[in-house]
Amino acid sequence: MLKNNFPKKIMVSSLILIFFILLIMVGKYIFDKATYIPPTTSQQVTKTSESNGYLSSSSQVSKNQSSTEKAQAIVPVKNTGVSEWLQVKSQGSGEKFTDLSTGNFKIYKVHSPQVLKTATSTDSPVLSMTEVVSKYPDSLIMNASGFNMTTGKITGFQINNGKLFKDWNSDQRAKYAFVFNKDGSSEVYDSTTPASEILKKGADMSFSFGSILIKNGKSLPSDGTVNWEIHSFLGNDKDNNIYLIISDTNTGYPAIMSELESLHLENALVMDGGGSSQMSLNGQAIYASQDNRSVNDYIVLK
């Protein structure tokens, strides 16, 4: 009688099949490991080569993106140091300070002044006009950026001495800024322009609170973000003469725009108002605060 070898043959065939499967798997593993390319990681935060000393981090981009499309994050500094004077360049000639006040408006036109911003950090202390005048007695001084009256901290987009100390995204309300550049020119921006671009264009200091009323010579409609009672305004004309303006109680939006348009301003931005509005020239009050309010950001011209 013949011995049945069929089960044995099945076992041998199965072992051979398992061996070939294992051989294929080992081969695939070795091939994958040999050809593996690790993904590119984002650049770590490093100091830039710029004199402003900001920290920047470039996010990962595809090969198809140009260098200008690489996103950069600007990290604000804690303190910008002692405030420094900036020379503004105005075209033509004129008196240093020209009083153009009329009716409900205190208006001073300033030709080629040196400009200083008092706030140097988010923790800058509130100061009375008297304290600022004692430091800068021969100057035209006006309140500027807004501040949180509960915390005492400055609001809006803030640069001083060419260094950013408060970025757009830290405030939902203050989305506009008047900027003086290192070359003595002036511009206005809104929060759609990133800090990196503004700094690249040479920004030296900024003042920020309310809406842009005039931009590049064109009047803009009211966006309803401020009441139109007492407010301070910062502007410039085509010759880059600088204007400090305070409107009195209940002047109203139409009257404000009519007055600003009559000055042929190139740019105009709303600064803080109410009890914060105040102005002095050479130590004499031009417009006193209604409640003797101290604020933490002044613009000083000499």
C-alpha atoms as a PDB file:
ATOM      1  CA  MET A   1       0.000   0.000   0.000  1.00  0.00           C
ATOM      2  CA  LEU A   2       1.399   3.453  -1.020  1.00  0.00           C
ATOM      3  CA  LYS A   3       2.006   6.013   1.724  1.00  0.00           C
ATOM      4  CA  ASN A   4      -0.009   9.247   1.386  1.00  0.00           C
ATOM      5  CA  ASN A   5       2.497  12.209   1.092  1.00  0.00           C
ATOM      6  CA  PHE A   6      -0.075  14.855   0.165  1.00  0.00           C
ATOM      7  CA  PRO A   7      -0.210  16.684   3.575  1.00  0.00           C
ATOM      8  CA  LYS A   8       3.586  16.836   3.661  1.00  0.00           C
ATOM      9  CA  LYS A   9       3.721  18.459   0.229  1.00  0.00           C
ATOM     10  CA  ILE A  10       1.195  21.087   1.307  1.00  0.00           C
ATOM     11  CA  MET A  11       3.277  21.924   4.366  1.00  0.00           C
ATOM     12  CA  VAL A  12       6.483  22.334   2.327  1.00  0.00           C
ATOM     13  CA  SER A  13       4.719  24.565  -0.204  1.00  0.00           C
ATOM     14  CA  SER A  14       3.293  26.739   2.557  1.00  0.00           C
ATOM     15  CA  LEU A  15       6.718  27.194   4.157  1.00  0.00           C
ATOM     16  CA  ILE A  16       8.230  28.188   0.813  1.00  0.00           C
ATOM     17  CA  LEU A  17       5.416  30.734   0.262  1.00  0.00           C
ATOM     18  CA  ILE A  18       5.886  32.236   3.740  1.00  0.00           C
ATOM     19  CA  PHE A  19       9.650  32.503   3.139  1.00  0.00           C
ATOM     20  CA  PHE A  20       9.158  34.411  -0.120  1.00  0.00           C
ATOM     21  CA  ILE A  21       6.621  36.774   1.545  1.00  0.00           C
ATOM     22  CA  LEU A  22       9.080  37.521   4.356  1.00  0.00           C
ATOM     23  CA  LEU A  23      11.851  38.044   1.829  1.00  0.00           C
ATOM     24  CA  ILE A  24       9.743  40.600  -0.066  1.00  0.00           C
ATOM     25  CA  MET A  25       8.819  42.465   3.136  1.00  0.00           C
ATOM     26  CA  VAL A  26      12.466  42.668   4.281  1.00  0.00           C
ATOM     27  CA  GLY A  27      13.512  43.907   0.863  1.00  0.00           C
ATOM     28  CA  LYS A  28      10.837  46.632   0.859  1.00  0.00           C
ATOM     29  CA  TYR A  29      11.865  47.792   4.343  1.00  0.00           C
ATOM     30  CA  ILE A  30      15.544  48.051   3.325  1.00  0.00           C
ATOM     31  CA  PHE A  31      14.629  49.955   0.128  1.00  0.00           C
ATOM     32  CA  ASP A  32      12.321  52.420   1.949  1.00  0.00           C
ATOM     33  CA  LYS A  33      14.911  53.142   4.591  1.00  0.00           C
ATOM     34  CA  ALA A  34      17.634  53.720   2.009  1.00  0.00           C
ATOM     35  CA  THR A  35      15.540  56.156  -0.023  1.00  0.00           C
ATOM     36  CA  TYR A  36      13.816  58.017   2.852  1.00  0.00           C
ATOM     37  CA  ILE A  37      14.215  61.842   2.814  1.00  0.00           C
ATOM     38  CA  PRO A  38      13.191  63.601   6.030  1.00  0.00           C
ATOM     39  CA  PRO A  39      10.790  66.554   5.672  1.00  0.00           C
ATOM     40  CA  THR A  40      12.155  70.118   5.879  1.00  0.00           C
ATOM     41  CA  THR A  41      11.517  71.729   9.235  1.00  0.00           C
ATOM     42  CA  SER A  42      10.699  75.365   9.868  1.00  0.00           C
ATOM     43  CA  GLN A  43      13.579  77.714  10.507  1.00  0.00           C
ATOM     44  CA  GLN A  44      14.195  78.301  14.179  1.00  0.00           C
ATOM     45  CA  VAL A  45      13.739  81.759  15.699  1.00  0.00           C
ATOM     46  CA  THR A  46      16.926  83.771  15.200  1.00  0.00           C
ATOM     47  CA  LYS A  47      18.032  87.373  15.355  1.00  0.00           C
ATOM     48  CA  THR A  48      17.861  89.290  12.111  1.00  0.00           C
ATOM     49  CA  SER A  49      20.779  91.259  10.708  1.00  0.00           C
ATOM     50  CA  GLU A  50      18.690  94.426  10.909  1.00  0.00           C
ATOM     51  CA  SER A  51      19.646  97.147  13.366  1.00  0.00           C
ATOM     52  CA  ASN A  52      16.210  96.947  14.984  1.00  0.00           C
ATOM     53  CA  GLY A  53      17.172  93.671  16.623  1.00  0.00           C
ATOM     54  CA  TYR A  54      13.820  91.969  16.098  1.00  0.00           C
ATOM     55  CA  LEU A  55      13.462  88.214  16.163  1.00  0.00           C
ATOM     56  CA  SER A  56      12.125  86.604  13.031  1.00  0.00           C
ATOM     57  CA  SER A  57      11.057  83.108  11.996  1.00  0.00           C
ATOM     58  CA  SER A  58      10.532  82.044   8.391  1.00  0.00           C
ATOM     59  CA  SER A  59       7.796  79.489   7.867  1.00  0.00           C
ATOM     60  CA  GLN A  60       8.210  76.565   5.481  1.00  0.00           C
ATOM     61  CA  VAL A  61       7.436  77.433   1.851  1.00  0.00           C
ATOM     62  CA  SER A  62       7.185  75.442  -1.353  1.00  0.00           C
ATOM     63  CA  LYS A  63       9.829  75.673  -4.074  1.00  0.00           C
ATOM     64  CA  ASN A  64       7.376  77.580  -6.225  1.00  0.00           C
ATOM     65  CA  GLN A  65       7.096  80.508  -3.774  1.00  0.00           C
ATOM     66  CA  SER A  66       9.274  83.576  -4.240  1.00  0.00           C
ATOM     67  CA  SER A  67      11.361  84.954  -1.387  1.00  0.00           C
ATOM     68  CA  THR A  68       8.949  87.899  -0.991  1.00  0.00           C
ATOM     69  CA  GLU A  69       6.158  85.462  -0.184  1.00  0.00           C
ATOM     70  CA  LYS A  70       7.963  83.957   2.774  1.00  0.00           C
ATOM     71  CA  ALA A  71       6.019  84.820   5.903  1.00  0.00           C
ATOM     72  CA  GLN A  72       7.929  86.542   8.693  1.00  0.00           C
ATOM     73  CA  ALA A  73       6.779  87.047  12.234  1.00  0.00           C
ATOM     74  CA  ILE A  74       8.033  90.094  14.112  1.00  0.00           C
ATOM     75  CA  VAL A  75       8.419  89.715  17.856  1.00  0.00           C
ATOM     76  CA  PRO A  76       7.964  93.060  19.687  1.00  0.00           C
ATOM     77  CA  VAL A  77      10.710  94.183  22.030  1.00  0.00           C
ATOM     78  CA  LYS A  78       9.913  94.907  25.672  1.00  0.00           C
ATOM     79  CA  ASN A  79      11.422  98.382  25.661  1.00  0.00           C
ATOM     80  CA  THR A  80      12.711 100.578  22.843  1.00  0.00           C
ATOM     81  CA  GLY A  81      15.083 102.608  25.016  1.00  0.00           C
ATOM     82  CA  VAL A  82      15.246 106.345  25.672  1.00  0.00           C
ATOM     83  CA  SER A  83      13.110 108.301  23.178  1.00  0.00           C
ATOM     84  CA  GLU A  84      15.165 109.931  20.432  1.00  0.00           C
ATOM     85  CA  TRP A  85      14.404 112.964  18.287  1.00  0.00           C
ATOM     86  CA  LEU A  86      13.664 112.464  14.584  1.00  0.00           C
ATOM     87  CA  GLN A  87      14.141 115.209  11.999  1.00  0.00           C
ATOM     88  CA  VAL A  88      11.073 115.592   9.782  1.00  0.00           C
ATOM     89  CA  LYS A  89      11.666 117.013   6.315  1.00  0.00           C
ATOM     90  CA  SER A  90       9.070 119.490   5.030  1.00  0.00           C
ATOM     91  CA  GLN A  91       9.257 120.962   1.528  1.00  0.00           C
ATOM     92  CA  GLY A  92       9.447 124.694   0.860  1.00  0.00           C
ATOM     93  CA  SER A  93       9.803 127.255   3.622  1.00  0.00           C
ATOM     94  CA  GLY A  94       7.741 128.527   6.510  1.00  0.00           C
ATOM     95  CA  GLU A  95       7.612 129.384  10.194  1.00  0.00           C
ATOM     96  CA  LYS A  96       8.364 126.562  12.630  1.00  0.00           C
ATOM     97  CA  PHE A  97       4.940 126.928  14.292  1.00  0.00           C
ATOM     98  CA  THR A  98       1.953 128.530  12.569  1.00  0.00           C
ATOM     99  CA  ASP A  99      -1.296 128.993  14.491  1.00  0.00           C
ATOM    100  CA  LEU A 100      -4.231 128.250  12.161  1.00  0.00           C
ATOM    101  CA  SER A 101      -6.836 127.885  14.940  1.00  0.00           C
ATOM    102  CA  THR A 102     -10.387 128.858  14.101  1.00  0.00           C
ATOM    103  CA  GLY A 103     -13.785 128.489  15.776  1.00  0.00           C
ATOM    104  CA  ASN A 104     -13.966 125.118  17.514  1.00  0.00           C
ATOM    105  CA  PHE A 105     -10.536 123.982  16.300  1.00  0.00           C
ATOM    106  CA  LYS A 106      -7.055 124.396  17.742  1.00  0.00           C
ATOM    107  CA  ILE A 107      -4.713 123.916  14.759  1.00  0.00           C
ATOM    108  CA  TYR A 108      -0.929 124.193  14.565  1.00  0.00           C
ATOM    109  CA  LYS A 109       1.044 123.702  11.374  1.00  0.00           C
ATOM    110  CA  VAL A 110       4.686 122.780  11.972  1.00  0.00           C
ATOM    111  CA  HIS A 111       7.445 123.101   9.366  1.00  0.00           C
ATOM    112  CA  SER A 112      10.437 120.696   9.410  1.00  0.00           C
ATOM    113  CA  PRO A 113      10.255 119.924  13.135  1.00  0.00           C
ATOM    114  CA  GLN A 114      12.176 117.447  15.204  1.00  0.00           C
ATOM    115  CA  VAL A 115       9.660 114.909  16.519  1.00  0.00           C
ATOM    116  CA  LEU A 116       9.725 112.787  19.658  1.00  0.00           C
ATOM    117  CA  LYS A 117       7.370 110.076  20.945  1.00  0.00           C
ATOM    118  CA  THR A 118       7.219 109.710  24.723  1.00  0.00           C
ATOM    119  CA  ALA A 119       5.977 106.085  24.995  1.00  0.00           C
ATOM    120  CA  THR A 120       8.749 103.481  24.724  1.00  0.00           C
ATOM    121  CA  SER A 121       6.978 100.309  25.916  1.00  0.00           C
ATOM    122  CA  THR A 122       3.557  98.900  26.754  1.00  0.00           C
ATOM    123  CA  ASP A 123       4.410  99.661  30.382  1.00  0.00           C
ATOM    124  CA  SER A 124       5.187 103.342  29.795  1.00  0.00           C
ATOM    125  CA  PRO A 125       3.765 105.308  32.736  1.00  0.00           C
ATOM    126  CA  VAL A 126       0.993 107.855  32.383  1.00  0.00           C
ATOM    127  CA  LEU A 127       2.319 111.420  32.544  1.00  0.00           C
ATOM    128  CA  SER A 128       0.653 114.766  33.099  1.00  0.00           C
ATOM    129  CA  MET A 129       1.133 117.535  30.568  1.00  0.00           C
ATOM    130  CA  THR A 130       3.048 119.446  33.279  1.00  0.00           C
ATOM    131  CA  GLU A 131       5.558 116.591  33.595  1.00  0.00           C
ATOM    132  CA  VAL A 132       6.109 116.447  29.830  1.00  0.00           C
ATOM    133  CA  VAL A 133       6.455 120.234  29.556  1.00  0.00           C
ATOM    134  CA  SER A 134       9.101 120.185  32.302  1.00  0.00           C
ATOM    135  CA  LYS A 135      11.183 117.831  30.143  1.00  0.00           C
ATOM    136  CA  TYR A 136      10.522 119.583  26.823  1.00  0.00           C
ATOM    137  CA  PRO A 137       9.733 123.249  27.674  1.00  0.00           C
ATOM    138  CA  ASP A 138      10.342 124.795  24.236  1.00  0.00           C
ATOM    139  CA  SER A 139       8.061 122.506  22.262  1.00  0.00           C
ATOM    140  CA  LEU A 140       4.585 121.958  20.869  1.00  0.00           C
ATOM    141  CA  ILE A 141       3.066 118.992  22.720  1.00  0.00           C
ATOM    142  CA  MET A 142      -0.178 117.072  22.196  1.00  0.00           C
ATOM    143  CA  ASN A 143      -1.610 113.822  23.507  1.00  0.00           C
ATOM    144  CA  ALA A 144      -1.394 111.033  20.930  1.00  0.00           C
ATOM    145  CA  SER A 145      -2.088 107.267  21.116  1.00  0.00           C
ATOM    146  CA  GLY A 146      -4.877 105.882  23.242  1.00  0.00           C
ATOM    147  CA  PHE A 147      -4.500 103.819  26.389  1.00  0.00           C
ATOM    148  CA  ASN A 148      -6.573 101.473  28.516  1.00  0.00           C
ATOM    149  CA  MET A 149      -7.720 103.545  31.492  1.00  0.00           C
ATOM    150  CA  THR A 150      -8.088 100.406  33.637  1.00  0.00           C
ATOM    151  CA  THR A 151      -4.619  98.944  33.042  1.00  0.00           C
ATOM    152  CA  GLY A 152      -2.816 102.137  32.011  1.00  0.00           C
ATOM    153  CA  LYS A 153      -1.296 100.317  29.027  1.00  0.00           C
ATOM    154  CA  ILE A 154      -0.982 101.898  25.591  1.00  0.00           C
ATOM    155  CA  THR A 155      -3.182 100.649  22.752  1.00  0.00           C
ATOM    156  CA  GLY A 156      -2.680 100.288  19.006  1.00  0.00           C
ATOM    157  CA  PHE A 157       0.305  99.684  16.720  1.00  0.00           C
ATOM    158  CA  GLN A 158       3.423 101.086  18.381  1.00  0.00           C
ATOM    159  CA  ILE A 159       6.979 101.750  17.194  1.00  0.00           C
ATOM    160  CA  ASN A 160       9.634 103.963  18.734  1.00  0.00           C
ATOM    161  CA  ASN A 161      13.324 104.411  17.895  1.00  0.00           C
ATOM    162  CA  GLY A 162      12.749 102.156  14.883  1.00  0.00           C
ATOM    163  CA  LYS A 163      11.674  99.232  17.081  1.00  0.00           C
ATOM    164  CA  LEU A 164       8.264  97.586  17.351  1.00  0.00           C
ATOM    165  CA  PHE A 165       6.910  97.249  20.884  1.00  0.00           C
ATOM    166  CA  LYS A 166       3.222  96.559  20.130  1.00  0.00           C
ATOM    167  CA  ASP A 167       1.869  94.814  17.038  1.00  0.00           C
ATOM    168  CA  TRP A 168      -1.501  95.080  15.281  1.00  0.00           C
ATOM    169  CA  ASN A 169      -2.906  91.773  16.500  1.00  0.00           C
ATOM    170  CA  SER A 170      -2.788  92.799  20.149  1.00  0.00           C
ATOM    171  CA  ASP A 171      -5.710  95.228  19.725  1.00  0.00           C
ATOM    172  CA  GLN A 172      -9.024  94.724  17.984  1.00  0.00           C
ATOM    173  CA  ARG A 173     -10.040  98.373  17.985  1.00  0.00           C
ATOM    174  CA  ALA A 174      -6.937 100.394  17.110  1.00  0.00           C
ATOM    175  CA  LYS A 175      -6.278  99.259  13.537  1.00  0.00           C
ATOM    176  CA  TYR A 176      -4.671 102.394  12.128  1.00  0.00           C
ATOM    177  CA  ALA A 177      -1.378 104.222  12.611  1.00  0.00           C
ATOM    178  CA  PHE A 178       0.401 107.419  11.595  1.00  0.00           C
ATOM    179  CA  VAL A 179       4.068 106.623  10.972  1.00  0.00           C
ATOM    180  CA  PHE A 180       7.156 108.835  10.781  1.00  0.00           C
ATOM    181  CA  ASN A 181       9.961 107.234   8.774  1.00  0.00           C
ATOM    182  CA  LYS A 182      13.682 107.553   9.440  1.00  0.00           C
ATOM    183  CA  ASP A 183      14.098 109.623   6.265  1.00  0.00           C
ATOM    184  CA  GLY A 184      11.710 112.247   7.684  1.00  0.00           C
ATOM    185  CA  SER A 185       8.688 111.289   5.581  1.00  0.00           C
ATOM    186  CA  SER A 186       5.183 110.414   6.915  1.00  0.00           C
ATOM    187  CA  GLU A 187       2.629 107.737   6.041  1.00  0.00           C
ATOM    188  CA  VAL A 188      -0.582 106.201   7.381  1.00  0.00           C
ATOM    189  CA  TYR A 189      -1.252 102.465   7.552  1.00  0.00           C
ATOM    190  CA  ASP A 190      -4.002 100.084   8.542  1.00  0.00           C
ATOM    191  CA  SER A 191      -3.692  96.593   9.995  1.00  0.00           C
ATOM    192  CA  THR A 192      -3.649  94.924   6.554  1.00  0.00           C
ATOM    193  CA  THR A 193       0.001  95.983   6.251  1.00  0.00           C
ATOM    194  CA  PRO A 194       2.224  93.736   8.410  1.00  0.00           C
ATOM    195  CA  ALA A 195       4.748  95.177  10.819  1.00  0.00           C
ATOM    196  CA  SER A 196       7.610  93.605   8.842  1.00  0.00           C
ATOM    197  CA  GLU A 197       6.693  95.634   5.746  1.00  0.00           C
ATOM    198  CA  ILE A 198       6.271  98.891   7.671  1.00  0.00           C
ATOM    199  CA  LEU A 199       9.646  98.420   9.360  1.00  0.00           C
ATOM    200  CA  LYS A 200      11.292  97.507   6.066  1.00  0.00           C
ATOM    201  CA  LYS A 201      10.134 100.846   4.667  1.00  0.00           C
ATOM    202  CA  GLY A 202      12.047 102.609   7.430  1.00  0.00           C
ATOM    203  CA  ALA A 203       9.473 103.319  10.144  1.00  0.00           C
ATOM    204  CA  ASP A 204      10.947 105.167  13.122  1.00  0.00           C
ATOM    205  CA  MET A 205       7.898 105.903  15.300  1.00  0.00           C
ATOM    206  CA  SER A 206       4.133 105.439  15.157  1.00  0.00           C
ATOM    207  CA  PHE A 207       1.034 106.889  16.802  1.00  0.00           C
ATOM    208  CA  SER A 208      -2.170 104.874  16.852  1.00  0.00           C
ATOM    209  CA  PHE A 209      -5.758 105.150  18.013  1.00  0.00           C
ATOM    210  CA  GLY A 210      -8.729 105.874  15.739  1.00  0.00           C
ATOM    211  CA  SER A 211      -9.681 105.968  12.087  1.00  0.00           C
ATOM    212  CA  ILE A 212      -7.873 107.318   9.057  1.00  0.00           C
ATOM    213  CA  LEU A 213      -9.927 110.323   7.901  1.00  0.00           C
ATOM    214  CA  ILE A 214      -7.759 111.328   4.940  1.00  0.00           C
ATOM    215  CA  LYS A 215      -5.341 109.084   3.071  1.00  0.00           C
ATOM    216  CA  ASN A 216      -3.196 110.151   0.116  1.00  0.00           C
ATOM    217  CA  GLY A 217      -5.278 113.306  -0.224  1.00  0.00           C
ATOM    218  CA  LYS A 218      -8.636 111.490  -0.331  1.00  0.00           C
ATOM    219  CA  SER A 219     -11.282 111.906   2.376  1.00  0.00           C
ATOM    220  CA  LEU A 220     -12.682 108.671   3.801  1.00  0.00           C
ATOM    221  CA  PRO A 221     -16.218 108.166   5.157  1.00  0.00           C
ATOM    222  CA  SER A 222     -16.905 107.735   8.857  1.00  0.00           C
ATOM    223  CA  ASP A 223     -16.578 104.107   9.927  1.00  0.00           C
ATOM    224  CA  GLY A 224     -18.439 104.704  13.189  1.00  0.00           C
ATOM    225  CA  THR A 225     -15.596 103.568  15.423  1.00  0.00           C
ATOM    226  CA  VAL A 226     -15.315 106.826  17.369  1.00  0.00           C
ATOM    227  CA  ASN A 227     -17.725 109.412  18.720  1.00  0.00           C
ATOM    228  CA  TRP A 228     -17.268 112.827  17.190  1.00  0.00           C
ATOM    229  CA  GLU A 229     -16.919 114.957  20.293  1.00  0.00           C
ATOM    230  CA  ILE A 230     -13.516 116.128  21.579  1.00  0.00           C
ATOM    231  CA  HIS A 231     -10.679 114.528  19.609  1.00  0.00           C
ATOM    232  CA  SER A 232      -7.075 115.127  18.758  1.00  0.00           C
ATOM    233  CA  PHE A 233      -5.812 114.633  15.211  1.00  0.00           C
ATOM    234  CA  LEU A 234      -2.400 114.132  13.644  1.00  0.00           C
ATOM    235  CA  GLY A 235      -1.842 114.909   9.974  1.00  0.00           C
ATOM    236  CA  ASN A 236       0.494 116.112   7.250  1.00  0.00           C
ATOM    237  CA  ASP A 237       0.101 117.972   3.948  1.00  0.00           C
ATOM    238  CA  LYS A 238       1.724 117.364   0.547  1.00  0.00           C
ATOM    239  CA  ASP A 239       4.812 119.291   1.665  1.00  0.00           C
ATOM    240  CA  ASN A 240       5.007 117.130   4.800  1.00  0.00           C
ATOM    241  CA  ASN A 241       4.246 119.971   7.166  1.00  0.00           C
ATOM    242  CA  ILE A 242       2.909 118.345  10.337  1.00  0.00           C
ATOM    243  CA  TYR A 243      -0.465 119.340  11.819  1.00  0.00           C
ATOM    244  CA  LEU A 244      -1.601 118.935  15.429  1.00  0.00           C
ATOM    245  CA  ILE A 245      -5.349 119.541  15.772  1.00  0.00           C
ATOM    246  CA  ILE A 246      -7.952 119.379  18.548  1.00  0.00           C
ATOM    247  CA  SER A 247     -11.676 119.715  17.836  1.00  0.00           C
ATOM    248  CA  ASP A 248     -13.960 121.007  20.593  1.00  0.00           C
ATOM    249  CA  THR A 249     -17.096 119.409  22.097  1.00  0.00           C
ATOM    250  CA  ASN A 250     -19.811 118.243  19.669  1.00  0.00           C
ATOM    251  CA  THR A 251     -18.008 119.557  16.608  1.00  0.00           C
ATOM    252  CA  GLY A 252     -19.422 116.617  14.631  1.00  0.00           C
ATOM    253  CA  TYR A 253     -18.077 114.560  11.752  1.00  0.00           C
ATOM    254  CA  PRO A 254     -19.176 116.867   8.865  1.00  0.00           C
ATOM    255  CA  ALA A 255     -17.602 119.907  10.529  1.00  0.00           C
ATOM    256  CA  ILE A 256     -14.400 117.982  11.269  1.00  0.00           C
ATOM    257  CA  MET A 257     -14.050 116.806   7.687  1.00  0.00           C
ATOM    258  CA  SER A 258     -14.832 120.256   6.301  1.00  0.00           C
ATOM    259  CA  GLU A 259     -12.061 121.778   8.437  1.00  0.00           C
ATOM    260  CA  LEU A 260      -9.497 119.084   7.594  1.00  0.00           C
ATOM    261  CA  GLU A 261     -10.278 119.328   3.886  1.00  0.00           C
ATOM    262  CA  SER A 262      -9.808 123.113   3.994  1.00  0.00           C
ATOM    263  CA  LEU A 263      -6.238 122.497   5.205  1.00  0.00           C
ATOM    264  CA  HIS A 264      -5.565 120.342   2.112  1.00  0.00           C
ATOM    265  CA  LEU A 265      -4.141 117.542   4.227  1.00  0.00           C
ATOM    266  CA  GLU A 266      -2.529 114.551   2.597  1.00  0.00           C
ATOM    267  CA  ASN A 267      -3.118 112.254   5.584  1.00  0.00           C
ATOM    268  CA  ALA A 268      -5.035 112.620   8.854  1.00  0.00           C
ATOM    269  CA  LEU A 269      -5.592 110.182  11.697  1.00  0.00           C
ATOM    270  CA  VAL A 270      -7.762 110.379  14.826  1.00  0.00           C
ATOM    271  CA  MET A 271      -5.800 110.363  18.070  1.00  0.00           C
ATOM    272  CA  ASP A 272      -7.218 109.864  21.569  1.00  0.00           C
ATOM    273  CA  GLY A 273      -9.921 112.289  22.732  1.00  0.00           C
ATOM    274  CA  GLY A 274     -12.253 113.292  25.520  1.00  0.00           C
ATOM    275  CA  GLY A 275     -10.337 114.168  28.684  1.00  0.00           C
ATOM    276  CA  SER A 276      -7.137 112.926  27.020  1.00  0.00           C
ATOM    277  CA  SER A 277      -7.131 115.762  24.464  1.00  0.00           C
ATOM    278  CA  GLN A 278      -4.645 118.471  25.468  1.00  0.00           C
ATOM    279  CA  MET A 279      -2.064 120.704  23.823  1.00  0.00           C
ATOM    280  CA  SER A 280       0.623 123.140  24.939  1.00  0.00           C
ATOM    281  CA  LEU A 281       3.214 125.390  23.250  1.00  0.00           C
ATOM    282  CA  ASN A 282       6.357 126.603  24.981  1.00  0.00           C
ATOM    283  CA  GLY A 283       4.875 125.696  28.365  1.00  0.00           C
ATOM    284  CA  GLN A 284       1.593 127.564  27.810  1.00  0.00           C
ATOM    285  CA  ALA A 285      -1.713 125.663  27.601  1.00  0.00           C
ATOM    286  CA  ILE A 286      -3.334 125.832  24.172  1.00  0.00           C
ATOM    287  CA  TYR A 287      -6.043 123.338  25.087  1.00  0.00           C
ATOM    288  CA  ALA A 288      -6.240 121.975  28.632  1.00  0.00           C
ATOM    289  CA  SER A 289      -7.526 118.510  29.533  1.00  0.00           C
ATOM    290  CA  GLN A 290     -11.105 118.678  30.797  1.00  0.00           C
ATOM    291  CA  ASP A 291     -10.265 116.495  33.782  1.00  0.00           C
ATOM    292  CA  ASN A 292      -6.513 117.102  34.180  1.00  0.00           C
ATOM    293  CA  ARG A 293      -5.921 113.649  32.739  1.00  0.00           C
ATOM    294  CA  SER A 294      -2.498 112.031  32.557  1.00  0.00           C
ATOM    295  CA  VAL A 295      -1.817 109.875  29.477  1.00  0.00           C
ATOM    296  CA  ASN A 296       1.061 107.630  28.429  1.00  0.00           C
ATOM    297  CA  ASP A 297       1.819 108.842  24.908  1.00  0.00           C
ATOM    298  CA  TYR A 298       2.525 112.381  23.705  1.00  0.00           C
ATOM    299  CA  ILE A 299       3.877 113.713  20.429  1.00  0.00           C
ATOM    300  CA  VAL A 300       6.464 116.440  20.973  1.00  0.00           C
ATOM    301  CA  LEU A 301       7.619 118.825  18.223  1.00  0.00           C
ATOM    302  CA  LYS A 302      10.433 121.377  18.399  1.00  0.00           C
END
